[in-house]
Amino acid sequence: MSDPTHVFDDLREESEELDRLVAELSPEGWAIATPAARWTVAHQIAHLAWTDHSALLAVTDEDAFRALVEKAIAAPDSFVDQGAEEGAAKPPAQLLADWRAGRTALLAALYAAPTKTRFPWYGPPMSAASMATGRLMETWAHGQDVADAMGVVRTPTDRLRHVVRIGVRARDFAFGVHGLTPPSEEFRVELVAPSGELWTYGPEDVPRRVTGPALDFCLLVTQRAHRADLAVRAEGADADQWLDIAQAFAGPPGTGRPPKSKPQSKPKPKSQGDGQ
């Protein structure tokens, strides 16, 4: 990415949109349960604040970030929830102020970072642009949890292109974390953006295809909605299997969301010589 500033700008706008959603909440509003088990609205914002702080240390203080990684290795099943619990225990006004200050400091560090520098992370090292893309994806996904808890329908924007990009690039990772061998061939992905633009990925002439609205694809790969409730379609058995296991986030397979509608039997994929 030769000029990463647009993803930094989009991260700021995504954060500000979520900020507007929670800024006027009462203490009772911060305690509303979200679709994530045992997490309230406060837990969602606390998690974002905690991860922003981790990212800031990765960009500005590698020794301090290394200490965080050691804590994660020592408690792999609880360190994320622990960070959310600690933040959620704060008074809402303090939590909101801490999140605002942390994300502002992170953005300043990302804007100032040399373009080609790669920073440590819990997985492979990341450039400033990749770090911002990951933070935007998480902000959007956890913002969806907050919106769902509040009964708010958000207007999607073309900032979703960053979430889509992670989801497409994470295809092989999704197969791997399920103990499956990734397909050897690329897929064609064609998604309709909120603006109406067609976003395309992969060769045009391959038989395995994924199509649908970009919003639905993002809900799928962040596991914020069940596939049965989304208008994402696959051609070819490998592509169909991907939609069942897709995830844009690092770590083990998520549990996803239960279907809102009654699951229907999936149509048999067209034969594309998958050998499946």
Protein backbone atom coordinates (compact mmCIF):
# COMPACT_ATOMS: atom_id res chain seq x y z
CA MET A 1 0.00 0.00 0.00
CA SER A 2 1.93 3.03 -1.31
CA ASP A 3 -0.20 5.65 0.46
CA PRO A 4 -1.69 4.29 3.69
CA THR A 5 -3.23 7.54 4.88
CA HIS A 6 -6.69 6.69 3.56
CA VAL A 7 -6.95 3.64 5.82
CA PHE A 8 -5.87 5.79 8.78
CA ASP A 9 -8.60 8.29 7.86
CA ASP A 10 -11.15 5.47 7.56
CA LEU A 11 -10.13 4.05 10.93
CA ARG A 12 -10.70 7.43 12.52
CA GLU A 13 -14.12 7.77 10.90
CA GLU A 14 -15.15 4.23 11.89
CA SER A 15 -14.17 4.92 15.50
CA GLU A 16 -16.00 8.24 15.53
CA GLU A 17 -19.17 6.59 14.23
CA LEU A 18 -19.11 4.06 17.07
CA ASP A 19 -18.28 6.85 19.53
CA ARG A 20 -21.46 8.69 18.51
CA LEU A 21 -23.43 5.52 19.17
CA VAL A 22 -22.26 5.14 22.77
CA ALA A 23 -21.39 8.69 23.84
CA GLU A 24 -24.80 9.54 25.30
CA LEU A 25 -25.56 6.16 26.87
CA SER A 26 -26.75 6.05 30.46
CA PRO A 27 -24.95 3.78 32.95
CA GLU A 28 -27.73 1.27 32.30
CA GLY A 29 -27.03 1.49 28.57
CA TRP A 30 -23.40 0.59 29.07
CA ALA A 31 -24.57 -2.53 30.93
CA ILE A 32 -26.74 -3.84 28.08
CA ALA A 33 -25.80 -7.38 27.07
CA THR A 34 -24.41 -7.80 23.55
CA PRO A 35 -24.49 -10.90 21.33
CA ALA A 36 -21.02 -11.87 22.60
CA ALA A 37 -21.46 -14.17 25.59
CA ARG A 38 -21.02 -12.36 28.94
CA TRP A 39 -19.99 -9.10 27.24
CA THR A 40 -21.88 -5.87 27.74
CA VAL A 41 -21.54 -2.69 25.71
CA ALA A 42 -18.86 -1.65 28.22
CA HIS A 43 -16.91 -4.87 27.54
CA GLN A 44 -16.99 -4.19 23.80
CA ILE A 45 -15.56 -0.68 24.16
CA ALA A 46 -13.09 -1.83 26.80
CA HIS A 47 -11.83 -4.51 24.44
CA LEU A 48 -11.29 -1.95 21.70
CA ALA A 49 -9.47 0.35 24.12
CA TRP A 50 -7.30 -2.53 25.33
CA THR A 51 -6.39 -3.61 21.79
CA ASP A 52 -5.70 -0.03 20.70
CA HIS A 53 -3.29 0.22 23.64
CA SER A 54 -1.60 -3.02 22.60
CA ALA A 55 -1.23 -1.70 19.05
CA LEU A 56 0.19 1.59 20.32
CA LEU A 57 2.85 -0.27 22.30
CA ALA A 58 3.66 -2.42 19.26
CA VAL A 59 4.29 0.74 17.23
CA THR A 60 6.07 2.80 19.91
CA ASP A 61 7.56 0.48 22.57
CA GLU A 62 8.53 -3.02 21.45
CA ASP A 63 9.84 -4.02 24.88
CA ALA A 64 6.54 -3.17 26.54
CA PHE A 65 4.65 -4.96 23.81
CA ARG A 66 6.85 -8.03 24.23
CA ALA A 67 5.80 -8.13 27.88
CA LEU A 68 2.16 -8.19 26.76
CA VAL A 69 2.89 -11.10 24.46
CA GLU A 70 4.44 -13.00 27.35
CA LYS A 71 1.26 -12.46 29.37
CA ALA A 72 -0.79 -13.72 26.45
CA ILE A 73 1.34 -16.85 26.17
CA ALA A 74 0.98 -17.47 29.91
CA ALA A 75 -2.83 -17.19 29.80
CA PRO A 76 -3.95 -17.80 26.20
CA ASP A 77 -7.56 -18.59 27.11
CA SER A 78 -8.20 -15.64 29.40
CA PHE A 79 -5.98 -12.64 28.62
CA VAL A 80 -8.41 -11.06 26.14
CA ASP A 81 -11.40 -11.42 28.45
CA GLN A 82 -9.34 -10.16 31.37
CA GLY A 83 -8.51 -6.96 29.52
CA ALA A 84 -12.19 -6.44 28.71
CA GLU A 85 -13.23 -7.13 32.30
CA GLU A 86 -10.75 -4.63 33.70
CA GLY A 87 -11.90 -1.90 31.34
CA ALA A 88 -15.60 -2.63 31.78
CA ALA A 89 -15.22 -2.21 35.55
CA LYS A 90 -14.35 1.47 35.08
CA PRO A 91 -17.03 4.18 35.32
CA PRO A 92 -18.46 4.69 31.80
CA ALA A 93 -17.16 8.26 31.54
CA GLN A 94 -13.62 7.11 32.31
CA LEU A 95 -13.84 4.16 29.95
CA LEU A 96 -15.03 6.42 27.14
CA ALA A 97 -12.29 8.95 27.84
CA ASP A 98 -9.64 6.23 27.93
CA TRP A 99 -10.83 4.76 24.62
CA ARG A 100 -10.79 8.19 22.99
CA ALA A 101 -7.31 9.02 24.27
CA GLY A 102 -5.91 5.64 23.30
CA ARG A 103 -7.22 5.58 19.77
CA THR A 104 -6.10 9.18 19.22
CA ALA A 105 -2.57 8.30 20.34
CA LEU A 106 -2.55 5.19 18.14
CA LEU A 107 -3.64 7.12 15.07
CA ALA A 108 -0.96 9.75 15.67
CA ALA A 109 1.66 6.99 15.90
CA LEU A 110 0.39 5.29 12.73
CA TYR A 111 0.41 8.53 10.74
CA ALA A 112 3.99 9.16 11.89
CA ALA A 113 5.27 5.62 11.26
CA PRO A 114 7.62 4.99 8.34
CA THR A 115 5.67 3.35 5.53
CA LYS A 116 7.89 0.28 5.14
CA THR A 117 8.47 -0.42 8.82
CA ARG A 118 6.88 -3.59 10.21
CA PHE A 119 5.81 -3.80 13.81
CA PRO A 120 5.45 -6.85 16.07
CA TRP A 121 2.01 -8.29 16.72
CA TYR A 122 0.45 -11.38 18.25
CA GLY A 123 0.77 -13.00 14.84
CA PRO A 124 3.10 -12.01 11.97
CA PRO A 125 4.65 -8.50 12.04
CA MET A 126 2.47 -5.81 10.49
CA SER A 127 2.97 -2.56 8.62
CA ALA A 128 1.26 0.57 9.89
CA ALA A 129 -1.36 0.21 7.14
CA SER A 130 -2.04 -3.42 8.05
CA MET A 131 -2.25 -2.49 11.73
CA ALA A 132 -4.83 0.19 10.92
CA THR A 133 -6.79 -2.20 8.70
CA GLY A 134 -6.95 -4.73 11.51
CA ARG A 135 -8.07 -2.09 13.99
CA LEU A 136 -10.77 -0.91 11.60
CA MET A 137 -12.04 -4.45 11.14
CA GLU A 138 -12.26 -4.96 14.89
CA THR A 139 -13.85 -1.57 15.47
CA TRP A 140 -16.49 -2.29 12.85
CA ALA A 141 -17.18 -5.83 14.12
CA HIS A 142 -17.42 -4.89 17.80
CA GLY A 143 -19.41 -1.84 16.78
CA GLN A 144 -21.85 -4.26 15.14
CA ASP A 145 -22.20 -6.07 18.47
CA VAL A 146 -23.00 -2.75 20.14
CA ALA A 147 -25.48 -1.76 17.43
CA ASP A 148 -27.21 -5.15 17.65
CA ALA A 149 -27.48 -4.84 21.42
CA MET A 150 -29.02 -1.38 21.08
CA GLY A 151 -31.35 -2.36 18.25
CA VAL A 152 -29.68 0.10 15.90
CA VAL A 153 -29.33 -0.55 12.16
CA ARG A 154 -26.15 1.13 10.93
CA THR A 155 -25.81 2.54 7.44
CA PRO A 156 -22.94 0.67 5.76
CA THR A 157 -20.16 2.64 4.09
CA ASP A 158 -17.40 1.83 1.65
CA ARG A 159 -15.03 1.64 4.61
CA LEU A 160 -16.10 -2.00 4.48
CA ARG A 161 -13.55 -2.51 1.69
CA HIS A 162 -10.90 -2.93 4.38
CA VAL A 163 -12.90 -5.65 6.16
CA VAL A 164 -13.53 -7.37 2.83
CA ARG A 165 -9.83 -7.31 2.00
CA ILE A 166 -8.92 -9.02 5.27
CA GLY A 167 -11.68 -11.60 4.81
CA VAL A 168 -10.54 -12.49 1.30
CA ARG A 169 -6.87 -12.66 2.26
CA ALA A 170 -7.70 -14.84 5.28
CA ARG A 171 -9.24 -17.62 3.18
CA ASP A 172 -6.37 -20.08 3.60
CA PHE A 173 -6.05 -19.21 7.29
CA ALA A 174 -9.71 -20.13 7.83
CA PHE A 175 -9.15 -23.54 6.28
CA GLY A 176 -5.98 -24.05 8.30
CA VAL A 177 -7.47 -23.29 11.72
CA HIS A 178 -10.13 -25.90 10.98
CA GLY A 179 -7.47 -28.48 10.21
CA LEU A 180 -8.28 -28.42 6.50
CA THR A 181 -5.98 -28.13 3.52
CA PRO A 182 -6.60 -24.84 1.73
CA PRO A 183 -7.70 -25.10 -1.91
CA SER A 184 -4.82 -24.88 -4.33
CA GLU A 185 -6.66 -22.58 -6.74
CA GLU A 186 -7.82 -19.02 -6.27
CA PHE A 187 -11.49 -18.07 -6.01
CA ARG A 188 -13.25 -15.26 -7.79
CA VAL A 189 -14.95 -12.94 -5.31
CA GLU A 190 -17.43 -10.34 -6.57
CA LEU A 191 -19.12 -8.13 -3.97
CA VAL A 192 -21.42 -5.15 -4.33
CA ALA A 193 -20.21 -2.23 -2.20
CA PRO A 194 -22.61 0.02 -0.26
CA SER A 195 -21.97 2.68 -2.94
CA GLY A 196 -23.02 0.23 -5.66
CA GLU A 197 -19.48 -0.28 -6.95
CA LEU A 198 -18.46 -3.85 -7.75
CA TRP A 199 -15.43 -5.02 -5.77
CA THR A 200 -13.61 -7.96 -7.37
CA TYR A 201 -10.82 -10.24 -6.21
CA GLY A 202 -9.12 -13.16 -7.94
CA PRO A 203 -8.99 -14.25 -11.59
CA GLU A 204 -12.11 -13.60 -13.63
CA ASP A 205 -12.14 -16.96 -15.42
CA VAL A 206 -12.03 -19.42 -12.48
CA PRO A 207 -15.06 -21.63 -11.76
CA ARG A 208 -15.16 -21.24 -7.98
CA ARG A 209 -16.92 -18.01 -7.10
CA VAL A 210 -18.34 -16.08 -4.16
CA THR A 211 -20.84 -13.30 -4.81
CA GLY A 212 -23.16 -11.05 -2.85
CA PRO A 213 -23.39 -7.76 -0.94
CA ALA A 214 -20.14 -6.58 0.65
CA LEU A 215 -21.98 -5.93 3.92
CA ASP A 216 -23.18 -9.53 4.11
CA PHE A 217 -19.69 -10.82 3.34
CA CYS A 218 -18.28 -8.69 6.17
CA LEU A 219 -20.92 -9.96 8.59
CA LEU A 220 -19.99 -13.49 7.52
CA VAL A 221 -16.20 -13.26 7.86
CA THR A 222 -16.41 -11.45 11.20
CA GLN A 223 -19.00 -14.04 12.28
CA ARG A 224 -21.53 -11.37 13.25
CA ALA A 225 -24.35 -13.15 11.41
CA HIS A 226 -25.10 -16.71 10.39
CA ARG A 227 -24.65 -17.67 6.77
CA ALA A 228 -28.31 -18.69 6.57
CA ASP A 229 -29.31 -15.06 7.16
CA LEU A 230 -27.03 -13.58 4.51
CA ALA A 231 -27.16 -13.18 0.73
CA VAL A 232 -23.64 -14.44 0.05
CA ARG A 233 -23.56 -17.25 -2.51
CA ALA A 234 -20.92 -19.76 -3.59
CA GLU A 235 -20.29 -21.75 -6.76
CA GLY A 236 -18.11 -24.82 -6.34
CA ALA A 237 -17.75 -27.10 -3.34
CA ASP A 238 -14.50 -25.49 -2.12
CA ALA A 239 -16.04 -22.01 -2.18
CA ASP A 240 -19.17 -23.33 -0.47
CA GLN A 241 -17.07 -24.86 2.29
CA TRP A 242 -15.20 -21.60 2.77
CA LEU A 243 -18.42 -19.73 3.48
CA ASP A 244 -19.16 -22.19 6.27
CA ILE A 245 -15.82 -21.57 8.03
CA ALA A 246 -14.72 -18.08 6.93
CA GLN A 247 -13.19 -15.78 9.52
CA ALA A 248 -11.29 -12.52 9.21
CA PHE A 249 -9.91 -12.53 12.75
CA ALA A 250 -6.85 -14.28 14.17
CA GLY A 251 -7.03 -17.10 16.67
CA PRO A 252 -9.05 -20.30 16.88
CA PRO A 253 -12.37 -20.77 15.08
CA GLY A 254 -15.12 -18.62 16.53
CA THR A 255 -18.53 -19.88 17.57
CA GLY A 256 -20.33 -17.39 15.34
CA ARG A 257 -23.99 -16.46 15.70
CA PRO A 258 -27.03 -18.74 15.58
CA PRO A 259 -29.34 -18.28 12.57
CA LYS A 260 -32.28 -15.92 12.98
CA SER A 261 -34.19 -17.66 10.22
CA LYS A 262 -34.86 -21.36 9.93
CA PRO A 263 -31.82 -22.89 8.20
CA GLN A 264 -32.59 -24.22 4.78
CA SER A 265 -30.77 -27.02 3.03
CA LYS A 266 -28.09 -25.56 0.81
CA PRO A 267 -28.38 -26.19 -2.92
CA LYS A 268 -25.91 -28.69 -4.25
CA PRO A 269 -22.93 -26.77 -5.66
CA LYS A 270 -22.45 -26.90 -9.38
CA SER A 271 -19.90 -29.49 -10.37
CA GLN A 272 -16.62 -27.73 -11.03
CA GLY A 273 -14.28 -30.70 -10.90
CA ASP A 274 -13.54 -30.20 -7.18
CA GLY A 275 -13.25 -33.91 -6.58
CA GLN A 276 -15.61 -33.42 -3.62
